[in-house]
């Protein structure tokens, strides 16, 4: 929402959004970004590996656990709706 609000304050509308992410996040990101930017073209460039080693969640380094966590998140979003994201506050 922050990006959408910032663009709106400046009188702009996103026409194309390019996202870089790990391959397991790609489906979930497409659902989220398409919800908030329905008219924008969403291009996701998924990679097999995440760059960087600053993960605090060592458990999610396993490809199977990472896949399960992201699939569960995608299912929860589709069942509950993307609107629940509005209640999540950033630190």
N, C-alpha and C. Protein backbone atom coordinates (compact mmCIF):
# COMPACT_ATOMS: atom_id res chain seq x y z
N UNK A 1 0.81 -1.19 0.00
CA UNK A 1 0.00 0.00 0.00
C UNK A 1 0.85 1.26 0.00
N UNK A 2 2.03 1.21 0.62
CA UNK A 2 2.88 2.38 0.69
C UNK A 2 3.24 2.87 -0.71
N UNK A 3 3.62 1.94 -1.58
CA UNK A 3 4.02 2.32 -2.94
C UNK A 3 2.82 2.91 -3.69
N UNK A 4 1.67 2.26 -3.56
CA UNK A 4 0.47 2.75 -4.24
C UNK A 4 0.10 4.14 -3.75
N UNK A 5 0.15 4.36 -2.44
CA UNK A 5 -0.19 5.67 -1.88
C UNK A 5 0.81 6.74 -2.30
N UNK A 6 2.09 6.39 -2.32
CA UNK A 6 3.12 7.35 -2.73
C UNK A 6 2.94 7.75 -4.19
N UNK A 7 2.65 6.78 -5.05
CA UNK A 7 2.41 7.10 -6.46
C UNK A 7 1.17 7.98 -6.61
N UNK A 8 0.12 7.67 -5.86
CA UNK A 8 -1.12 8.46 -5.94
C UNK A 8 -0.89 9.90 -5.49
N UNK A 9 -0.08 10.10 -4.45
CA UNK A 9 0.23 11.45 -3.98
C UNK A 9 0.92 12.27 -5.05
N UNK A 10 1.66 11.61 -5.91
CA UNK A 10 2.39 12.29 -6.98
C UNK A 10 1.62 12.30 -8.29
N UNK A 11 0.39 11.79 -8.25
CA UNK A 11 -0.44 11.79 -9.44
C UNK A 11 0.00 10.79 -10.49
N UNK A 12 0.61 9.71 -10.07
CA UNK A 12 1.11 8.70 -11.00
C UNK A 12 0.40 7.37 -10.78
N UNK A 13 0.38 6.58 -11.84
CA UNK A 13 -0.19 5.23 -11.79
C UNK A 13 0.85 4.28 -12.36
N UNK A 14 1.07 3.19 -11.67
CA UNK A 14 2.05 2.21 -12.15
C UNK A 14 1.52 1.51 -13.38
N UNK A 15 2.34 1.48 -14.43
CA UNK A 15 1.95 0.79 -15.66
C UNK A 15 2.61 -0.58 -15.76
N UNK A 16 3.84 -0.66 -15.26
CA UNK A 16 4.56 -1.93 -15.27
C UNK A 16 5.40 -2.01 -14.00
N UNK A 17 5.35 -3.20 -13.36
CA UNK A 17 6.11 -3.42 -12.14
C UNK A 17 6.95 -4.68 -12.36
N UNK A 18 8.25 -4.55 -12.11
CA UNK A 18 9.16 -5.69 -12.24
C UNK A 18 9.63 -6.06 -10.84
N UNK A 19 9.41 -7.31 -10.46
CA UNK A 19 9.78 -7.79 -9.13
C UNK A 19 10.83 -8.88 -9.26
N UNK A 20 11.81 -8.86 -8.38
CA UNK A 20 12.84 -9.88 -8.33
C UNK A 20 12.66 -10.63 -7.01
N UNK A 21 12.58 -11.95 -7.10
CA UNK A 21 12.35 -12.72 -5.89
C UNK A 21 12.86 -14.14 -6.07
N UNK A 22 12.82 -14.88 -4.99
CA UNK A 22 13.11 -16.30 -5.03
C UNK A 22 11.96 -16.99 -5.75
N UNK A 23 12.24 -18.10 -6.40
CA UNK A 23 11.20 -18.77 -7.18
C UNK A 23 10.00 -19.18 -6.36
N UNK A 24 10.18 -19.44 -5.06
CA UNK A 24 9.06 -19.88 -4.23
C UNK A 24 8.11 -18.74 -3.90
N UNK A 25 8.57 -17.50 -3.97
CA UNK A 25 7.71 -16.34 -3.69
C UNK A 25 6.91 -15.88 -4.90
N UNK A 26 7.26 -16.33 -6.08
CA UNK A 26 6.71 -15.77 -7.32
C UNK A 26 5.19 -15.82 -7.39
N UNK A 27 4.58 -16.96 -7.12
CA UNK A 27 3.12 -17.05 -7.23
C UNK A 27 2.42 -16.15 -6.22
N UNK A 28 2.92 -16.13 -5.01
CA UNK A 28 2.31 -15.30 -3.97
C UNK A 28 2.45 -13.82 -4.30
N UNK A 29 3.62 -13.41 -4.79
CA UNK A 29 3.82 -12.01 -5.15
C UNK A 29 2.88 -11.58 -6.28
N UNK A 30 2.68 -12.47 -7.24
CA UNK A 30 1.79 -12.13 -8.35
C UNK A 30 0.37 -11.85 -7.83
N UNK A 31 -0.11 -12.66 -6.90
CA UNK A 31 -1.45 -12.46 -6.33
C UNK A 31 -1.51 -11.14 -5.58
N UNK A 32 -0.51 -10.87 -4.75
CA UNK A 32 -0.51 -9.64 -3.94
C UNK A 32 -0.44 -8.40 -4.82
N UNK A 33 0.55 -8.33 -5.70
CA UNK A 33 0.75 -7.13 -6.49
C UNK A 33 -0.38 -6.91 -7.49
N UNK A 34 -0.94 -7.98 -8.04
CA UNK A 34 -2.05 -7.81 -8.97
C UNK A 34 -3.29 -7.31 -8.24
N UNK A 35 -3.42 -7.64 -6.97
CA UNK A 35 -4.56 -7.15 -6.17
C UNK A 35 -4.47 -5.63 -5.98
N UNK A 36 -3.30 -5.14 -5.63
CA UNK A 36 -3.13 -3.72 -5.35
C UNK A 36 -2.92 -2.87 -6.60
N UNK A 37 -2.44 -3.49 -7.67
CA UNK A 37 -2.21 -2.78 -8.94
C UNK A 37 -2.87 -3.55 -10.08
N UNK A 38 -4.22 -3.53 -10.15
CA UNK A 38 -4.92 -4.38 -11.11
C UNK A 38 -4.68 -4.03 -12.57
N UNK A 39 -4.34 -2.78 -12.87
CA UNK A 39 -4.14 -2.40 -14.27
C UNK A 39 -2.68 -2.47 -14.71
N UNK A 40 -1.78 -2.65 -13.77
CA UNK A 40 -0.35 -2.68 -14.10
C UNK A 40 0.06 -4.06 -14.62
N UNK A 41 1.03 -4.03 -15.52
CA UNK A 41 1.62 -5.28 -15.99
C UNK A 41 2.64 -5.72 -14.92
N UNK A 42 2.48 -6.92 -14.40
CA UNK A 42 3.36 -7.43 -13.35
C UNK A 42 4.31 -8.44 -13.98
N UNK A 43 5.60 -8.14 -13.91
CA UNK A 43 6.62 -9.07 -14.41
C UNK A 43 7.44 -9.53 -13.21
N UNK A 44 7.50 -10.84 -13.04
CA UNK A 44 8.26 -11.39 -11.92
C UNK A 44 9.43 -12.17 -12.47
N UNK A 45 10.61 -11.79 -12.03
CA UNK A 45 11.84 -12.47 -12.43
C UNK A 45 12.30 -13.31 -11.25
N UNK A 46 11.90 -14.56 -11.29
CA UNK A 46 12.22 -15.46 -10.19
C UNK A 46 13.58 -16.11 -10.42
N UNK A 47 14.29 -16.26 -9.34
CA UNK A 47 15.61 -16.88 -9.38
C UNK A 47 15.57 -18.14 -8.54
N UNK A 48 16.48 -19.04 -8.82
CA UNK A 48 16.53 -20.27 -8.04
C UNK A 48 17.08 -20.02 -6.65
N UNK A 49 17.94 -19.03 -6.51
CA UNK A 49 18.59 -18.79 -5.23
C UNK A 49 18.35 -17.37 -4.77
N UNK A 50 18.27 -17.20 -3.47
CA UNK A 50 18.16 -15.87 -2.88
C UNK A 50 19.58 -15.36 -2.66
N UNK A 51 19.82 -14.12 -3.06
CA UNK A 51 21.15 -13.53 -2.87
C UNK A 51 21.25 -13.02 -1.44
N UNK A 52 22.33 -13.33 -0.79
CA UNK A 52 22.54 -12.88 0.58
C UNK A 52 22.41 -14.03 1.56
N UNK A 53 23.00 -13.85 2.70
CA UNK A 53 22.97 -14.91 3.70
C UNK A 53 22.55 -14.36 5.06
N UNK A 54 21.72 -13.34 5.05
CA UNK A 54 21.34 -12.70 6.30
C UNK A 54 20.01 -13.23 6.84
N UNK A 55 19.66 -14.45 6.50
CA UNK A 55 18.42 -15.04 7.00
C UNK A 55 18.53 -15.38 8.47
N UNK A 56 17.55 -14.92 9.23
CA UNK A 56 17.49 -15.28 10.64
C UNK A 56 16.76 -16.61 10.79
N UNK A 57 15.97 -16.99 9.78
CA UNK A 57 15.19 -18.22 9.84
C UNK A 57 15.97 -19.36 9.21
N UNK A 58 16.78 -20.02 9.98
CA UNK A 58 17.60 -21.12 9.46
C UNK A 58 16.73 -22.28 8.99
N UNK A 59 15.57 -22.47 9.61
CA UNK A 59 14.69 -23.57 9.24
C UNK A 59 14.23 -23.44 7.78
N UNK A 60 13.99 -22.21 7.33
CA UNK A 60 13.48 -22.01 5.98
C UNK A 60 14.55 -22.13 4.90
N UNK A 61 15.78 -22.43 5.26
CA UNK A 61 16.81 -22.62 4.24
C UNK A 61 16.61 -23.93 3.49
N UNK A 62 15.89 -24.87 4.08
CA UNK A 62 15.59 -26.13 3.40
C UNK A 62 14.60 -25.84 2.28
N UNK A 63 14.88 -26.28 1.05
CA UNK A 63 13.95 -26.03 -0.06
C UNK A 63 12.55 -26.57 0.19
N UNK A 64 12.45 -27.69 0.85
CA UNK A 64 11.13 -28.28 1.10
C UNK A 64 10.34 -27.41 2.08
N UNK A 65 10.97 -26.99 3.17
CA UNK A 65 10.27 -26.16 4.16
C UNK A 65 9.92 -24.80 3.57
N UNK A 66 10.83 -24.27 2.76
CA UNK A 66 10.60 -22.98 2.12
C UNK A 66 9.39 -23.08 1.19
N UNK A 67 9.32 -24.16 0.41
CA UNK A 67 8.20 -24.37 -0.50
C UNK A 67 6.90 -24.53 0.29
N UNK A 68 6.93 -25.34 1.35
CA UNK A 68 5.73 -25.56 2.16
C UNK A 68 5.23 -24.25 2.78
N UNK A 69 6.14 -23.45 3.31
CA UNK A 69 5.75 -22.18 3.95
C UNK A 69 5.11 -21.24 2.93
N UNK A 70 5.68 -21.14 1.75
CA UNK A 70 5.14 -20.24 0.74
C UNK A 70 3.83 -20.76 0.15
N UNK A 71 3.71 -22.07 0.00
CA UNK A 71 2.47 -22.64 -0.50
C UNK A 71 1.35 -22.44 0.52
N UNK A 72 1.65 -22.64 1.80
CA UNK A 72 0.66 -22.41 2.85
C UNK A 72 0.23 -20.94 2.86
N UNK A 73 1.19 -20.03 2.68
CA UNK A 73 0.87 -18.61 2.63
C UNK A 73 -0.03 -18.27 1.44
N UNK A 74 0.24 -18.87 0.29
CA UNK A 74 -0.57 -18.64 -0.90
C UNK A 74 -1.99 -19.16 -0.70
N UNK A 75 -2.12 -20.34 -0.14
CA UNK A 75 -3.44 -20.92 0.12
C UNK A 75 -4.21 -20.05 1.12
N UNK A 76 -3.54 -19.62 2.18
CA UNK A 76 -4.19 -18.76 3.18
C UNK A 76 -4.67 -17.46 2.55
N UNK A 77 -3.86 -16.88 1.66
CA UNK A 77 -4.25 -15.64 1.01
C UNK A 77 -5.46 -15.84 0.12
N UNK A 78 -5.49 -16.96 -0.60
CA UNK A 78 -6.62 -17.21 -1.49
C UNK A 78 -7.89 -17.50 -0.70
N UNK A 79 -7.76 -18.15 0.46
CA UNK A 79 -8.93 -18.46 1.27
C UNK A 79 -9.42 -17.23 2.03
N UNK A 80 -8.50 -16.52 2.68
CA UNK A 80 -8.86 -15.38 3.53
C UNK A 80 -8.97 -14.07 2.75
N UNK A 81 -8.29 -13.98 1.62
CA UNK A 81 -8.28 -12.76 0.83
C UNK A 81 -7.04 -11.93 1.11
N UNK A 82 -6.63 -11.20 0.11
CA UNK A 82 -5.42 -10.38 0.23
C UNK A 82 -5.64 -9.21 1.17
N UNK A 83 -6.89 -8.85 1.40
CA UNK A 83 -7.20 -7.71 2.26
C UNK A 83 -6.64 -7.87 3.67
N UNK A 84 -6.41 -9.10 4.12
CA UNK A 84 -5.86 -9.30 5.46
C UNK A 84 -4.46 -8.71 5.57
N UNK A 85 -3.82 -8.47 4.43
CA UNK A 85 -2.48 -7.88 4.46
C UNK A 85 -2.49 -6.46 5.00
N UNK A 86 -3.63 -5.77 4.85
CA UNK A 86 -3.72 -4.40 5.36
C UNK A 86 -3.52 -4.32 6.87
N UNK A 87 -3.82 -5.42 7.55
CA UNK A 87 -3.69 -5.41 9.02
C UNK A 87 -2.27 -5.71 9.48
N UNK A 88 -1.40 -6.11 8.56
CA UNK A 88 -0.01 -6.42 8.93
C UNK A 88 0.77 -5.12 8.99
N UNK A 89 1.43 -4.88 10.07
CA UNK A 89 2.21 -3.64 10.24
C UNK A 89 3.69 -3.95 10.08
N UNK A 90 4.38 -3.05 9.38
CA UNK A 90 5.82 -3.21 9.22
C UNK A 90 6.52 -2.69 10.45
N UNK A 91 7.68 -3.31 10.79
CA UNK A 91 8.40 -2.85 11.99
C UNK A 91 8.91 -1.44 11.86
